[in-house]
């Protein structure tokens, strides 16, 4: 449903009204009550396409692209640090199990 702009010729009152396209044009001014209301032709609103199905370069400024790239790099560094920490933790635990396994064999002999 579009938003229509109205202006009263009698008192100059301007307002926007959210109404369906099939609704009749309003004639009575809510401010002064006279039948001098006119609907204006609006400029509409801009369309922004978001999602993976559109080009990344559409509707984006250079500063936005730089900021997005910096955020992407920062998140990649954080995830790689977490992966490195997990790998080091698992390698330490596997080293401990190897050392305990070899010591138990030597005790049994």
Protein backbone atom coordinates (compact mmCIF):
# COMPACT_ATOMS: atom_id res chain seq x y z
CA UNK A 1 0.00 0.00 0.00
CA UNK A 2 1.45 3.35 -1.00
CA UNK A 3 1.77 6.54 0.97
CA UNK A 4 0.07 9.54 -0.64
CA UNK A 5 0.88 13.19 0.02
CA UNK A 6 -1.98 15.65 0.41
CA UNK A 7 -2.13 19.45 0.62
CA UNK A 8 -5.05 21.73 1.43
CA UNK A 9 -5.47 24.72 -0.88
CA UNK A 10 -7.45 26.60 1.78
CA UNK A 11 -5.17 26.39 4.84
CA UNK A 12 -1.93 24.98 3.37
CA UNK A 13 -1.92 21.93 5.66
CA UNK A 14 0.32 19.15 4.27
CA UNK A 15 0.30 15.51 5.37
CA UNK A 16 0.94 11.97 4.20
CA UNK A 17 -1.70 9.26 4.19
CA UNK A 18 -1.11 5.51 3.97
CA UNK A 19 -3.99 4.08 1.93
CA UNK A 20 -4.66 1.40 -0.66
CA UNK A 21 -4.45 2.17 -4.36
CA UNK A 22 -8.15 1.44 -4.82
CA UNK A 23 -9.20 3.87 -2.06
CA UNK A 24 -10.88 7.08 -3.17
CA UNK A 25 -9.00 10.38 -3.09
CA UNK A 26 -9.66 12.33 0.12
CA UNK A 27 -11.32 15.71 -0.39
CA UNK A 28 -11.97 17.05 3.14
CA UNK A 29 -9.05 18.63 5.00
CA UNK A 30 -8.62 17.18 8.52
CA UNK A 31 -7.28 20.54 9.77
CA UNK A 32 -9.80 23.13 8.50
CA UNK A 33 -12.65 20.85 7.31
CA UNK A 34 -12.96 22.45 3.86
CA UNK A 35 -13.22 20.44 0.64
CA UNK A 36 -10.02 21.90 -0.82
CA UNK A 37 -7.71 18.88 -0.40
CA UNK A 38 -5.50 17.81 -3.33
CA UNK A 39 -3.43 14.67 -3.68
CA UNK A 40 0.12 15.37 -4.83
CA UNK A 41 2.26 13.23 -7.08
CA UNK A 42 4.96 11.80 -4.85
CA UNK A 43 8.47 10.80 -5.78
CA UNK A 44 8.06 7.35 -4.28
CA UNK A 45 10.80 5.51 -2.47
CA UNK A 46 14.09 4.01 -3.52
CA UNK A 47 14.39 0.29 -4.05
CA UNK A 48 17.25 -1.56 -2.39
CA UNK A 49 17.98 -5.11 -3.46
CA UNK A 50 19.50 -7.20 -0.69
CA UNK A 51 20.57 -10.79 -0.66
CA UNK A 52 22.92 -13.15 -2.41
CA UNK A 53 21.12 -12.93 -5.76
CA UNK A 54 22.29 -9.40 -6.57
CA UNK A 55 25.62 -7.87 -7.49
CA UNK A 56 27.70 -6.81 -4.51
CA UNK A 57 28.64 -3.55 -6.21
CA UNK A 58 25.08 -2.33 -6.68
CA UNK A 59 23.89 0.48 -4.40
CA UNK A 60 27.07 0.55 -2.31
CA UNK A 61 29.53 3.38 -1.79
CA UNK A 62 33.30 2.88 -1.67
CA UNK A 63 33.41 3.62 2.06
CA UNK A 64 30.80 0.92 2.70
CA UNK A 65 32.77 -1.61 0.66
CA UNK A 66 35.98 -0.81 2.56
CA UNK A 67 34.24 -1.17 5.93
CA UNK A 68 32.64 -4.45 4.88
CA UNK A 69 36.00 -5.81 3.72
CA UNK A 70 37.62 -4.81 7.03
CA UNK A 71 34.84 -6.54 8.97
CA UNK A 72 35.24 -9.64 6.85
CA UNK A 73 39.00 -9.76 7.48
CA UNK A 74 38.52 -9.25 11.21
CA UNK A 75 36.00 -12.08 11.45
CA UNK A 76 38.29 -14.36 9.41
CA UNK A 77 41.18 -13.63 11.80
CA UNK A 78 39.02 -14.37 14.84
CA UNK A 79 37.82 -17.67 13.40
CA UNK A 80 41.34 -18.72 12.40
CA UNK A 81 42.59 -17.94 15.93
CA UNK A 82 39.79 -20.08 17.37
CA UNK A 83 40.65 -22.91 14.96
CA UNK A 84 44.35 -22.68 15.88
CA UNK A 85 43.46 -22.83 19.57
CA UNK A 86 41.22 -25.87 19.03
CA UNK A 87 43.94 -27.62 17.04
CA UNK A 88 46.55 -26.95 19.72
CA UNK A 89 44.16 -28.18 22.44
CA UNK A 90 43.40 -31.39 20.54
CA UNK A 91 47.07 -32.02 19.74
CA UNK A 92 47.97 -31.57 23.43
CA UNK A 93 45.28 -34.04 24.47
CA UNK A 94 46.41 -36.57 21.83
CA UNK A 95 50.03 -36.17 22.98
CA UNK A 96 48.95 -36.89 26.55
CA UNK A 97 47.05 -40.01 25.50
CA UNK A 98 50.08 -41.26 23.55
CA UNK A 99 52.37 -40.69 26.51
CA UNK A 100 50.01 -42.40 28.96
CA UNK A 101 49.54 -45.30 26.56
CA UNK A 102 53.28 -45.90 26.21
CA UNK A 103 53.87 -45.66 29.97
CA UNK A 104 51.13 -48.20 30.66
CA UNK A 105 52.77 -50.65 28.23
CA UNK A 106 56.14 -50.28 29.93
CA UNK A 107 54.55 -50.87 33.33
CA UNK A 108 52.92 -54.08 32.11
CA UNK A 109 56.25 -55.61 30.86
